[in-house]
Amino acid sequence: MCFSQIKAWTHLELETVFLMNDWGRRFCVLGVNVSDKAWVFESRQSFQTFCSAMLTVWTSHLPERETLAFITDVLDRYRLIVANQASEENTFKFYQMDATLAKP
């Protein structure tokens, strides 16, 4: 399996990525850092614009006239799960994994 066959929402462990790409024989892992990140959008419209670009894997399967309603629904549901306080209602939260690799 290669990266192009992985669904956009899949979260892989570094070891899985190594096995899939046979990187284990070509690289050594010197370090891995996973951290919480958040992008705060100043408005719902800005967040919606971001999602219009980032959700194309899903929206490309919809008629164009349904795209805005889909994104609105996604943001409404996402807000219920992610926003712990009013100031987070236009915040995209995610994990960032950085790996330092070296050739053996």
N, C-alpha and C. Protein backbone atom coordinates (compact mmCIF):
# COMPACT_ATOMS: atom_id res chain seq x y z
N MET A 1 0.85 -1.18 0.00
CA MET A 1 0.00 0.00 0.00
C MET A 1 0.89 1.24 0.00
N CYS A 2 0.48 2.25 -0.72
CA CYS A 2 1.24 3.50 -0.73
C CYS A 2 0.36 4.63 -0.21
N PHE A 3 0.95 5.80 0.00
CA PHE A 3 0.21 6.91 0.58
C PHE A 3 -1.03 7.28 -0.22
N SER A 4 -0.99 7.16 -1.53
CA SER A 4 -2.13 7.56 -2.35
C SER A 4 -3.34 6.67 -2.12
N GLN A 5 -3.16 5.52 -1.49
CA GLN A 5 -4.27 4.60 -1.22
C GLN A 5 -4.85 4.77 0.18
N ILE A 6 -4.31 5.68 0.96
CA ILE A 6 -4.75 5.88 2.33
C ILE A 6 -5.85 6.94 2.36
N LYS A 7 -6.89 6.69 3.09
CA LYS A 7 -7.98 7.65 3.23
C LYS A 7 -7.48 8.89 3.96
N ALA A 8 -8.02 10.04 3.63
CA ALA A 8 -7.55 11.32 4.17
C ALA A 8 -7.66 11.42 5.69
N TRP A 9 -8.61 10.73 6.28
CA TRP A 9 -8.84 10.84 7.72
C TRP A 9 -8.06 9.80 8.52
N THR A 10 -7.26 8.98 7.87
CA THR A 10 -6.51 7.94 8.54
C THR A 10 -5.35 8.54 9.33
N HIS A 11 -5.20 8.09 10.56
CA HIS A 11 -4.07 8.52 11.40
C HIS A 11 -3.18 7.31 11.62
N LEU A 12 -1.98 7.39 11.10
CA LEU A 12 -1.06 6.26 11.15
C LEU A 12 0.04 6.48 12.18
N GLU A 13 0.44 5.41 12.81
CA GLU A 13 1.62 5.45 13.66
C GLU A 13 2.84 5.45 12.74
N LEU A 14 3.92 6.03 13.22
CA LEU A 14 5.14 6.11 12.41
C LEU A 14 5.61 4.72 11.97
N GLU A 15 5.49 3.74 12.85
CA GLU A 15 5.93 2.39 12.52
C GLU A 15 5.15 1.83 11.33
N THR A 16 3.87 2.13 11.25
CA THR A 16 3.04 1.66 10.15
C THR A 16 3.50 2.29 8.84
N VAL A 17 3.80 3.58 8.88
CA VAL A 17 4.28 4.27 7.68
C VAL A 17 5.59 3.63 7.22
N PHE A 18 6.45 3.31 8.15
CA PHE A 18 7.73 2.68 7.81
C PHE A 18 7.51 1.33 7.13
N LEU A 19 6.63 0.52 7.71
CA LEU A 19 6.36 -0.80 7.13
C LEU A 19 5.76 -0.71 5.74
N MET A 20 4.83 0.21 5.56
CA MET A 20 4.16 0.36 4.28
C MET A 20 5.12 0.77 3.17
N ASN A 21 6.11 1.53 3.50
CA ASN A 21 7.00 2.09 2.50
C ASN A 21 8.40 1.48 2.53
N ASP A 22 8.57 0.45 3.34
CA ASP A 22 9.87 -0.22 3.45
C ASP A 22 10.97 0.76 3.87
N TRP A 23 10.59 1.77 4.64
CA TRP A 23 11.57 2.76 5.09
C TRP A 23 12.46 2.22 6.19
N GLY A 24 12.01 1.17 6.88
CA GLY A 24 12.78 0.62 8.00
C GLY A 24 14.18 0.18 7.61
N ARG A 25 14.34 -0.22 6.35
CA ARG A 25 15.67 -0.63 5.89
C ARG A 25 16.49 0.55 5.39
N ARG A 26 15.82 1.70 5.19
CA ARG A 26 16.53 2.85 4.62
C ARG A 26 16.78 3.98 5.61
N PHE A 27 16.02 3.98 6.74
CA PHE A 27 16.16 5.08 7.70
C PHE A 27 16.10 4.56 9.13
N CYS A 28 16.73 5.29 10.02
CA CYS A 28 16.62 5.07 11.46
C CYS A 28 15.86 6.25 12.04
N VAL A 29 15.02 5.97 13.02
CA VAL A 29 14.28 7.04 13.68
C VAL A 29 15.12 7.58 14.83
N LEU A 30 15.47 8.85 14.75
CA LEU A 30 16.25 9.47 15.81
C LEU A 30 15.34 10.08 16.89
N GLY A 31 14.15 10.46 16.47
CA GLY A 31 13.22 11.04 17.43
C GLY A 31 11.86 11.29 16.82
N VAL A 32 10.85 11.26 17.66
CA VAL A 32 9.48 11.54 17.23
C VAL A 32 8.85 12.46 18.27
N ASN A 33 8.22 13.50 17.80
CA ASN A 33 7.53 14.42 18.68
C ASN A 33 6.10 14.60 18.17
N VAL A 34 5.12 14.39 19.05
CA VAL A 34 3.72 14.61 18.71
C VAL A 34 3.21 15.71 19.63
N SER A 35 2.60 16.73 19.02
CA SER A 35 2.11 17.83 19.84
C SER A 35 0.71 18.26 19.40
N ASP A 36 -0.04 18.81 20.35
CA ASP A 36 -1.35 19.37 20.06
C ASP A 36 -1.16 20.72 19.37
N LYS A 37 -1.93 20.96 18.34
CA LYS A 37 -1.88 22.24 17.64
C LYS A 37 -3.29 22.77 17.49
N ALA A 38 -3.40 24.05 17.25
CA ALA A 38 -4.70 24.66 17.00
C ALA A 38 -4.51 25.87 16.09
N TRP A 39 -5.37 25.95 15.10
CA TRP A 39 -5.42 27.13 14.24
C TRP A 39 -6.72 27.84 14.57
N VAL A 40 -6.62 29.08 15.00
CA VAL A 40 -7.79 29.86 15.36
C VAL A 40 -8.15 30.76 14.18
N PHE A 41 -9.34 30.57 13.67
CA PHE A 41 -9.84 31.39 12.58
C PHE A 41 -10.64 32.54 13.18
N GLU A 42 -10.48 33.71 12.63
CA GLU A 42 -11.11 34.90 13.21
C GLU A 42 -12.61 34.94 13.02
N SER A 43 -13.12 34.15 12.08
CA SER A 43 -14.56 34.16 11.83
C SER A 43 -15.01 32.80 11.31
N ARG A 44 -16.28 32.57 11.38
CA ARG A 44 -16.87 31.35 10.82
C ARG A 44 -16.60 31.30 9.31
N GLN A 45 -16.70 32.44 8.65
CA GLN A 45 -16.45 32.50 7.20
C GLN A 45 -15.02 32.08 6.86
N SER A 46 -14.05 32.52 7.65
CA SER A 46 -12.66 32.13 7.41
C SER A 46 -12.48 30.63 7.60
N PHE A 47 -13.09 30.10 8.65
CA PHE A 47 -13.01 28.65 8.91
C PHE A 47 -13.68 27.89 7.77
N GLN A 48 -14.79 28.39 7.29
CA GLN A 48 -15.52 27.76 6.20
C GLN A 48 -14.69 27.77 4.91
N THR A 49 -14.01 28.86 4.65
CA THR A 49 -13.15 28.96 3.47
C THR A 49 -12.02 27.94 3.55
N PHE A 50 -11.41 27.83 4.72
CA PHE A 50 -10.36 26.83 4.94
C PHE A 50 -10.91 25.43 4.66
N CYS A 51 -12.08 25.13 5.20
CA CYS A 51 -12.67 23.80 5.02
C CYS A 51 -13.04 23.54 3.56
N SER A 52 -13.42 24.57 2.84
CA SER A 52 -13.73 24.40 1.42
C SER A 52 -12.53 23.84 0.66
N ALA A 53 -11.35 24.26 1.05
CA ALA A 53 -10.14 23.76 0.41
C ALA A 53 -9.70 22.41 0.97
N MET A 54 -9.87 22.22 2.28
CA MET A 54 -9.35 21.02 2.93
C MET A 54 -10.27 19.80 2.85
N LEU A 55 -11.54 20.00 2.57
CA LEU A 55 -12.48 18.87 2.55
C LEU A 55 -12.79 18.38 1.13
N THR A 56 -11.92 18.70 0.20
CA THR A 56 -12.21 18.34 -1.19
C THR A 56 -12.28 16.83 -1.42
N VAL A 57 -11.63 16.04 -0.58
CA VAL A 57 -11.74 14.58 -0.72
C VAL A 57 -13.20 14.15 -0.59
N TRP A 58 -13.90 14.80 0.32
CA TRP A 58 -15.32 14.47 0.52
C TRP A 58 -16.22 15.24 -0.43
N THR A 59 -15.99 16.54 -0.54
CA THR A 59 -16.91 17.36 -1.34
C THR A 59 -16.84 17.07 -2.83
N SER A 60 -15.76 16.48 -3.29
CA SER A 60 -15.66 16.14 -4.71
C SER A 60 -16.68 15.07 -5.11
N HIS A 61 -17.27 14.40 -4.15
CA HIS A 61 -18.27 13.37 -4.42
C HIS A 61 -19.70 13.93 -4.33
N LEU A 62 -19.82 15.21 -4.06
CA LEU A 62 -21.13 15.84 -3.91
C LEU A 62 -21.44 16.72 -5.11
N PRO A 63 -22.72 16.89 -5.42
CA PRO A 63 -23.06 17.93 -6.41
C PRO A 63 -22.63 19.29 -5.85
N GLU A 64 -22.15 20.15 -6.69
CA GLU A 64 -21.62 21.45 -6.23
C GLU A 64 -22.63 22.22 -5.39
N ARG A 65 -23.89 22.13 -5.72
CA ARG A 65 -24.92 22.88 -4.99
C ARG A 65 -25.07 22.40 -3.55
N GLU A 66 -24.53 21.21 -3.20
CA GLU A 66 -24.64 20.67 -1.84
C GLU A 66 -23.38 20.90 -1.00
N THR A 67 -22.35 21.40 -1.61
CA THR A 67 -21.06 21.55 -0.92
C THR A 67 -21.15 22.49 0.28
N LEU A 68 -21.72 23.65 0.11
CA LEU A 68 -21.80 24.61 1.21
C LEU A 68 -22.60 24.04 2.38
N ALA A 69 -23.72 23.39 2.10
CA ALA A 69 -24.53 22.79 3.17
C ALA A 69 -23.75 21.70 3.89
N PHE A 70 -22.98 20.92 3.15
CA PHE A 70 -22.16 19.87 3.77
C PHE A 70 -21.13 20.48 4.70
N ILE A 71 -20.41 21.49 4.23
CA ILE A 71 -19.37 22.12 5.05
C ILE A 71 -19.99 22.78 6.28
N THR A 72 -21.13 23.41 6.13
CA THR A 72 -21.83 24.01 7.26
C THR A 72 -22.18 22.95 8.29
N ASP A 73 -22.67 21.82 7.84
CA ASP A 73 -23.01 20.73 8.75
C ASP A 73 -21.77 20.19 9.46
N VAL A 74 -20.69 20.03 8.72
CA VAL A 74 -19.42 19.56 9.31
C VAL A 74 -18.97 20.52 10.41
N LEU A 75 -18.97 21.81 10.12
CA LEU A 75 -18.52 22.80 11.11
C LEU A 75 -19.43 22.85 12.32
N ASP A 76 -20.74 22.72 12.11
CA ASP A 76 -21.67 22.70 13.24
C ASP A 76 -21.39 21.50 14.15
N ARG A 77 -21.19 20.34 13.56
CA ARG A 77 -20.93 19.13 14.35
C ARG A 77 -19.55 19.18 15.00
N TYR A 78 -18.57 19.69 14.26
CA TYR A 78 -17.21 19.80 14.78
C TYR A 78 -17.18 20.72 16.00
N ARG A 79 -17.90 21.83 15.91
CA ARG A 79 -17.95 22.79 17.02
C ARG A 79 -18.48 22.14 18.29
N LEU A 80 -19.49 21.30 18.16
CA LEU A 80 -20.06 20.61 19.32
C LEU A 80 -19.04 19.72 20.02
N ILE A 81 -18.16 19.14 19.25
CA ILE A 81 -17.17 18.20 19.80
C ILE A 81 -15.92 18.91 20.31
N VAL A 82 -15.46 19.92 19.59
CA VAL A 82 -14.14 20.50 19.84
C VAL A 82 -14.16 21.77 20.70
N ALA A 83 -15.17 22.59 20.53
CA ALA A 83 -15.17 23.87 21.24
C ALA A 83 -15.54 23.69 22.70
N ASN A 84 -14.54 23.79 23.56
CA ASN A 84 -14.77 23.67 25.00
C ASN A 84 -15.21 24.98 25.63
N GLN A 85 -15.01 26.07 24.89
CA GLN A 85 -15.42 27.39 25.35
C GLN A 85 -15.74 28.24 24.12
N ALA A 86 -16.45 29.33 24.32
CA ALA A 86 -16.91 30.16 23.19
C ALA A 86 -15.76 30.64 22.30
N SER A 87 -14.61 30.90 22.87
CA SER A 87 -13.48 31.41 22.09
C SER A 87 -12.90 30.36 21.14
N GLU A 88 -13.33 29.10 21.26
CA GLU A 88 -12.80 28.03 20.40
C GLU A 88 -13.76 27.63 19.28
N GLU A 89 -14.84 28.38 19.11
CA GLU A 89 -15.84 27.93 18.15
C GLU A 89 -15.37 27.96 16.69
N ASN A 90 -14.32 28.70 16.39
CA ASN A 90 -13.74 28.71 15.04
C ASN A 90 -12.29 28.26 15.07
N THR A 91 -12.06 27.19 15.82
CA THR A 91 -10.70 26.66 16.00
C THR A 91 -10.59 25.26 15.43
N PHE A 92 -9.54 25.03 14.65
CA PHE A 92 -9.24 23.71 14.12
C PHE A 92 -8.14 23.11 14.99
N LYS A 93 -8.43 22.02 15.67
CA LYS A 93 -7.47 21.36 16.55
C LYS A 93 -6.96 20.08 15.89
N PHE A 94 -5.66 19.85 16.03
CA PHE A 94 -5.08 18.67 15.40
C PHE A 94 -3.78 18.28 16.10
N TYR A 95 -3.32 17.09 15.79
CA TYR A 95 -2.01 16.62 16.27
C TYR A 95 -1.01 16.78 15.14
N GLN A 96 0.19 17.20 15.49
CA GLN A 96 1.28 17.31 14.52
C GLN A 96 2.37 16.33 14.94
N MET A 97 2.77 15.45 14.04
CA MET A 97 3.87 14.53 14.32
C MET A 97 5.06 14.92 13.48
N ASP A 98 6.18 15.13 14.15
CA ASP A 98 7.44 15.42 13.48
C ASP A 98 8.40 14.29 13.81
N ALA A 99 9.04 13.77 12.78
CA ALA A 99 9.99 12.68 12.98
C ALA A 99 11.35 13.12 12.43
N THR A 100 12.39 12.81 13.17
CA THR A 100 13.75 13.06 12.72
C THR A 100 14.33 11.72 12.29
N LEU A 101 14.74 11.65 11.02
CA LEU A 101 15.24 10.40 10.45
C LEU A 101 16.70 10.55 10.03
N ALA A 102 17.38 9.44 9.95
CA ALA A 102 18.77 9.42 9.46
C ALA A 102 18.99 8.13 8.70
N LYS A 103 19.92 8.18 7.78
CA LYS A 103 20.30 6.95 7.07
C LYS A 103 21.22 6.15 7.98
N PRO A 104 21.03 4.83 8.01
CA PRO A 104 21.87 4.00 8.91
C PRO A 104 23.34 4.03 8.50
